[in-house]
Amino acid sequence: MRRKIVATAWRNLAIAVYKAPAEGKVYGTFDADVSATMEYIRKKRDEGVRLTITHFVAAAISRALYEDVPDINCYVKRGKIIYRDDANVFVSVSIKGGKGMSGFVVPKTQELPASEIALLIKEKAEEKRNGKESDAFAAKDKIAKVPWPFRRPVFLFIRWILFEMGLPIPFLKIKSDPFGSIMLTNIGSFGLEYGMVALFPIGKLPAVVTMGRVVQKPVVIDGEIKIRWMLPFSGTFDHRIVDGAQIGAFMHGVVERLLHPEEMNLPNPPGETNEEEHEQE
């Protein structure tokens, strides 16, 4: 069934005003109480099931994007909004041995329990660390070898083919939408709490969510100071697509879901989806 979402006047104006996404960026930070999730992870590890906070965050942001703010699960194509059918999370990973960053898409993330997300991330991350690159990251070495004066024109041509025309690039093994709906990166593994990361220009992503290091902090609850496990988040958003109200709804959806880790470890039945290449009304 087609979901009718009418573009606001601001969105239509923003598409014309901002370039993608060099100018119109919005930044924000917030902390989420993940004490219940950390306790749930500990119990599961005692049972022999290895889960991490990343798996629950991937589940939470995909469900919040899909259910709470579906109007930002989209990208701009030839001046129009194209809605995605699923909330596919692109997970960024660090490759050891000085090989830099890589990543992969977890398909239909909004339907998966955290435990299944954990298995997919483990499998895909091991492939990456063993040198088995695919999709867009498999092409990065080829593009890097292009002489400097021609490298950016080549990059712009590839971006035009992928996102403006919506076509795959078979000889580079790049699909037409290789970076999913939203990017998740964990800088907490480097000991950092907050970091404003860049929007990936080729990704056509409305947002990049950054996880910081989980730390214990004093929090006032019902007038009393209590020590809680807090997860710091940073977000970079494409202002052509996302405004403050939507960021707030997305944030509250993520925070609320992380208070209920048991629900995040249950399958999420599929709901309404948009028709392929559904454009703004």
Protein backbone atom coordinates (compact mmCIF):
# COMPACT_ATOMS: atom_id res chain seq x y z
CA MET A 1 0.00 0.00 0.00
CA ARG A 2 1.36 3.41 -0.95
CA ARG A 3 2.11 5.70 1.96
CA LYS A 4 1.23 9.27 1.02
CA ILE A 5 3.73 11.75 2.46
CA VAL A 6 3.44 15.34 1.30
CA ALA A 7 6.69 17.27 1.09
CA THR A 8 6.78 20.44 3.18
CA ALA A 9 7.56 23.84 1.72
CA TRP A 10 10.86 23.81 3.63
CA ARG A 11 11.90 20.52 2.06
CA ASN A 12 11.16 21.77 -1.45
CA LEU A 13 13.09 24.98 -0.74
CA ALA A 14 16.01 23.15 0.89
CA ILE A 15 16.46 20.92 -2.14
CA ALA A 16 17.01 24.04 -4.22
CA VAL A 17 19.07 25.98 -1.68
CA TYR A 18 21.57 23.35 -0.52
CA LYS A 19 23.98 21.27 -2.47
CA ALA A 20 24.31 17.61 -1.53
CA PRO A 21 25.51 17.49 1.24
CA ALA A 22 28.37 20.01 1.39
CA GLU A 23 26.34 22.86 2.88
CA GLY A 24 23.14 21.87 4.60
CA LYS A 25 24.26 19.87 7.60
CA VAL A 26 22.70 19.73 11.07
CA TYR A 27 24.58 18.35 14.09
CA GLY A 28 23.34 17.08 17.41
CA THR A 29 24.33 15.08 20.49
CA PHE A 30 22.36 13.22 23.14
CA ASP A 31 22.93 10.56 25.78
CA ALA A 32 20.88 7.39 26.10
CA ASP A 33 20.45 5.42 29.31
CA VAL A 34 21.53 1.91 28.30
CA SER A 35 21.72 0.39 31.78
CA ALA A 36 18.95 -2.11 30.97
CA THR A 37 20.62 -3.02 27.70
CA MET A 38 24.04 -3.48 29.32
CA GLU A 39 22.51 -5.75 31.97
CA TYR A 40 20.70 -7.74 29.27
CA ILE A 41 23.96 -8.12 27.33
CA ARG A 42 25.70 -9.37 30.49
CA LYS A 43 22.99 -11.98 31.10
CA LYS A 44 23.16 -13.18 27.51
CA ARG A 45 26.95 -13.50 27.70
CA ASP A 46 26.55 -15.63 30.83
CA GLU A 47 24.33 -17.86 28.67
CA GLY A 48 27.05 -18.06 26.01
CA VAL A 49 25.46 -15.55 23.59
CA ARG A 50 27.78 -12.72 22.62
CA LEU A 51 25.96 -9.47 21.96
CA THR A 52 27.26 -5.90 22.01
CA ILE A 53 25.68 -2.50 22.34
CA THR A 54 26.22 -1.94 18.60
CA HIS A 55 23.75 -4.71 17.76
CA PHE A 56 21.01 -3.12 19.86
CA VAL A 57 21.71 0.37 18.52
CA ALA A 58 21.46 -0.93 14.94
CA ALA A 59 18.07 -2.45 15.78
CA ALA A 60 16.90 0.70 17.58
CA ILE A 61 17.89 3.24 14.91
CA SER A 62 16.45 1.14 12.09
CA ARG A 63 13.10 0.72 13.84
CA ALA A 64 12.97 4.38 14.84
CA LEU A 65 13.73 5.40 11.27
CA TYR A 66 11.20 2.98 9.78
CA GLU A 67 8.38 3.46 12.29
CA ASP A 68 8.78 6.91 13.87
CA VAL A 69 10.21 9.10 11.09
CA PRO A 70 9.64 7.24 7.79
CA ASP A 71 9.53 10.58 5.98
CA ILE A 72 13.32 10.90 6.34
CA ASN A 73 14.05 7.37 5.10
CA CYS A 74 14.75 8.76 1.65
CA TYR A 75 17.19 10.59 -0.61
CA VAL A 76 17.12 13.35 -3.20
CA LYS A 77 17.15 12.32 -6.85
CA ARG A 78 16.89 14.92 -9.63
CA GLY A 79 15.29 17.39 -7.23
CA LYS A 80 12.69 14.95 -5.89
CA ILE A 81 12.41 12.81 -2.79
CA ILE A 82 12.75 9.05 -3.28
CA TYR A 83 11.53 6.93 -0.36
CA ARG A 84 13.17 3.66 0.60
CA ASP A 85 11.16 0.52 1.34
CA ASP A 86 13.37 -0.67 4.21
CA ALA A 87 15.57 0.85 6.89
CA ASN A 88 18.87 -0.76 5.96
CA VAL A 89 21.69 0.20 8.34
CA PHE A 90 25.18 0.65 6.92
CA VAL A 91 27.65 -0.41 9.63
CA SER A 92 31.12 1.12 9.46
CA VAL A 93 34.02 -1.06 10.63
CA SER A 94 37.72 -0.48 11.16
CA ILE A 95 40.08 -2.78 9.26
CA LYS A 96 43.20 -3.69 11.21
CA GLY A 97 46.65 -3.50 9.69
CA GLY A 98 46.38 0.08 8.50
CA LYS A 99 43.77 -0.71 5.84
CA GLY A 100 41.43 2.03 6.98
CA MET A 101 37.66 1.94 7.20
CA SER A 102 35.16 -0.24 5.43
CA GLY A 103 31.54 -1.17 5.94
CA PHE A 104 28.50 -3.10 4.81
CA VAL A 105 24.72 -2.93 4.71
CA VAL A 106 22.55 -5.05 7.01
CA PRO A 107 19.44 -5.63 4.84
CA LYS A 108 15.97 -5.10 6.30
CA THR A 109 17.51 -4.20 9.64
CA GLN A 110 14.16 -3.01 11.01
CA GLU A 111 12.82 -6.59 10.95
CA LEU A 112 15.77 -8.31 12.63
CA PRO A 113 16.34 -9.11 16.31
CA ALA A 114 19.63 -7.94 17.80
CA SER A 115 20.96 -11.51 17.93
CA GLU A 116 20.50 -11.95 14.17
CA ILE A 117 22.05 -8.56 13.51
CA ALA A 118 25.01 -9.73 15.61
CA LEU A 119 25.50 -12.82 13.42
CA LEU A 120 25.32 -10.81 10.19
CA ILE A 121 27.74 -8.16 11.46
CA LYS A 122 30.22 -10.80 12.65
CA GLU A 123 30.11 -12.63 9.31
CA LYS A 124 30.44 -9.51 7.18
CA ALA A 125 33.12 -7.92 9.38
CA GLU A 126 35.25 -11.07 9.21
CA GLU A 127 35.00 -11.05 5.42
CA LYS A 128 36.11 -7.43 5.33
CA ARG A 129 39.04 -8.05 7.67
CA ASN A 130 40.09 -11.00 5.53
CA GLY A 131 40.27 -8.75 2.49
CA LYS A 132 37.00 -9.85 0.88
CA GLU A 133 35.65 -6.45 -0.14
CA SER A 134 32.48 -6.14 -2.18
CA ASP A 135 30.17 -3.48 -3.62
CA ALA A 136 31.37 0.12 -3.37
CA PHE A 137 34.36 -0.58 -1.13
CA ALA A 138 35.70 -3.08 -3.64
CA ALA A 139 36.04 -0.21 -6.10
CA LYS A 140 37.90 2.18 -3.79
CA ASP A 141 41.34 0.87 -4.74
CA LYS A 142 40.60 1.27 -8.44
CA ILE A 143 39.34 4.82 -7.97
CA ALA A 144 42.33 5.66 -5.74
CA LYS A 145 44.66 4.77 -8.63
CA VAL A 146 43.08 7.33 -10.96
CA PRO A 147 45.51 10.26 -11.46
CA TRP A 148 44.69 13.22 -9.22
CA PRO A 149 43.39 15.68 -11.89
CA PHE A 150 40.82 13.11 -13.03
CA ARG A 151 39.94 11.46 -9.71
CA ARG A 152 37.15 13.84 -8.68
CA PRO A 153 35.51 13.91 -12.14
CA VAL A 154 35.51 10.10 -12.07
CA PHE A 155 33.98 10.14 -8.59
CA LEU A 156 31.26 12.62 -9.67
CA PHE A 157 30.50 10.51 -12.74
CA ILE A 158 30.12 7.39 -10.59
CA ARG A 159 27.85 9.24 -8.16
CA TRP A 160 25.74 10.50 -11.07
CA ILE A 161 25.36 6.98 -12.49
CA LEU A 162 24.52 5.42 -9.11
CA PHE A 163 22.14 7.95 -7.62
CA GLU A 164 20.93 10.35 -10.26
CA MET A 165 20.36 7.65 -12.87
CA GLY A 166 19.78 4.81 -10.40
CA LEU A 167 21.94 2.39 -12.38
CA PRO A 168 24.48 -0.18 -11.14
CA ILE A 169 28.10 -0.18 -12.30
CA PRO A 170 28.83 -3.86 -13.05
CA PHE A 171 32.54 -3.55 -13.91
CA LEU A 172 33.15 -1.89 -10.53
CA LYS A 173 30.72 -4.28 -8.77
CA ILE A 174 28.74 -1.37 -7.32
CA LYS A 175 24.98 -1.66 -6.87
CA SER A 176 22.70 1.31 -7.45
CA ASP A 177 22.13 2.02 -3.72
CA PRO A 178 25.15 0.55 -1.92
CA PHE A 179 25.03 2.43 1.40
CA GLY A 180 21.55 1.72 2.71
CA SER A 181 19.31 4.12 4.61
CA ILE A 182 21.48 5.36 7.47
CA MET A 183 25.08 4.93 8.61
CA LEU A 184 26.18 3.76 12.06
CA THR A 185 29.77 4.14 13.22
CA ASN A 186 31.25 3.33 16.62
CA ILE A 187 34.02 5.69 17.78
CA GLY A 188 33.66 4.37 21.32
CA SER A 189 35.99 1.54 20.33
CA PHE A 190 38.69 4.23 20.02
CA GLY A 191 37.94 5.57 23.52
CA LEU A 192 36.01 8.61 22.24
CA GLU A 193 32.65 9.83 23.51
CA TYR A 194 31.53 12.41 20.93
CA GLY A 195 32.47 13.05 17.34
CA MET A 196 30.80 15.00 14.54
CA VAL A 197 31.49 12.90 11.50
CA ALA A 198 30.98 13.89 7.88
CA LEU A 199 28.05 12.90 5.74
CA PHE A 200 29.29 10.53 3.06
CA PRO A 201 28.73 12.48 -0.20
CA ILE A 202 28.24 9.43 -2.39
CA GLY A 203 25.98 7.67 0.09
CA LYS A 204 22.76 9.67 -0.29
CA LEU A 205 22.18 9.18 3.44
CA PRO A 206 19.90 11.44 5.50
CA ALA A 207 22.04 10.87 8.60
CA VAL A 208 25.17 9.36 10.10
CA VAL A 209 24.82 8.23 13.73
CA THR A 210 27.98 7.99 15.84
CA MET A 211 28.19 5.88 18.99
CA GLY A 212 30.61 6.95 21.69
CA ARG A 213 32.15 5.08 24.60
CA VAL A 214 29.62 3.77 27.12
CA VAL A 215 30.47 5.26 30.53
CA GLN A 216 28.91 5.38 33.97
CA LYS A 217 27.54 8.81 34.86
CA PRO A 218 25.51 10.30 37.72
CA VAL A 219 21.92 10.88 36.61
CA VAL A 220 19.03 12.47 38.52
CA ILE A 221 16.06 10.06 38.60
CA ASP A 222 12.95 10.95 40.63
CA GLY A 223 14.95 13.54 42.54
CA GLU A 224 17.76 11.12 43.43
CA ILE A 225 21.27 10.85 42.00
CA LYS A 226 21.91 7.40 40.56
CA ILE A 227 24.77 5.93 38.57
CA ARG A 228 23.69 4.75 35.14
CA TRP A 229 25.38 3.41 32.04
CA MET A 230 25.10 6.19 29.45
CA LEU A 231 25.76 5.91 25.73
CA PRO A 232 26.72 9.22 24.06
CA PHE A 233 25.40 9.73 20.54
CA SER A 234 26.37 12.25 17.89
CA GLY A 235 24.48 12.76 14.68
CA THR A 236 25.10 14.52 11.38
CA PHE A 237 21.98 15.15 9.31
CA ASP A 238 21.24 16.33 5.79
CA HIS A 239 19.17 19.48 6.34
CA ARG A 240 17.53 19.14 2.93
CA ILE A 241 15.73 16.11 4.36
CA VAL A 242 15.82 16.39 8.15
CA ASP A 243 14.72 19.19 10.47
CA GLY A 244 14.83 19.63 14.23
CA ALA A 245 11.41 18.11 14.93
CA GLN A 246 12.32 14.97 13.01
CA ILE A 247 15.66 14.70 14.79
CA GLY A 248 13.81 14.93 18.11
CA ALA A 249 11.33 12.22 17.15
CA PHE A 250 14.14 9.99 15.92
CA MET A 251 16.19 10.57 19.08
CA HIS A 252 13.29 9.80 21.42
CA GLY A 253 12.49 6.66 19.43
CA VAL A 254 16.05 5.39 19.78
CA VAL A 255 16.28 6.22 23.51
CA GLU A 256 12.93 4.57 24.27
CA ARG A 257 13.82 1.37 22.43
CA LEU A 258 17.15 1.03 24.24
CA LEU A 259 15.23 0.96 27.53
CA HIS A 260 13.63 -2.32 26.39
CA PRO A 261 16.40 -4.61 25.11
CA GLU A 262 14.18 -7.71 25.22
CA GLU A 263 11.96 -6.18 22.54
CA MET A 264 15.00 -5.29 20.43
CA ASN A 265 15.96 -8.97 20.50
CA LEU A 266 12.65 -10.09 19.04
CA PRO A 267 11.78 -10.18 15.33
CA ASN A 268 9.87 -7.10 14.19
CA PRO A 269 7.03 -8.03 11.79
CA PRO A 270 7.14 -6.06 8.53
CA GLY A 271 4.63 -3.26 8.19
CA GLU A 272 3.63 -1.00 5.35
CA THR A 273 6.28 -0.38 2.74
CA ASN A 274 6.59 2.26 0.07
CA GLU A 275 6.35 1.41 -3.57
CA GLU A 276 9.68 1.27 -5.35
CA GLU A 277 10.99 4.69 -6.33
CA HIS A 278 7.96 6.37 -4.66
CA GLU A 279 8.38 10.07 -5.25
CA GLN A 280 7.01 13.00 -3.29
CA GLU A 281 3.41 13.96 -3.97
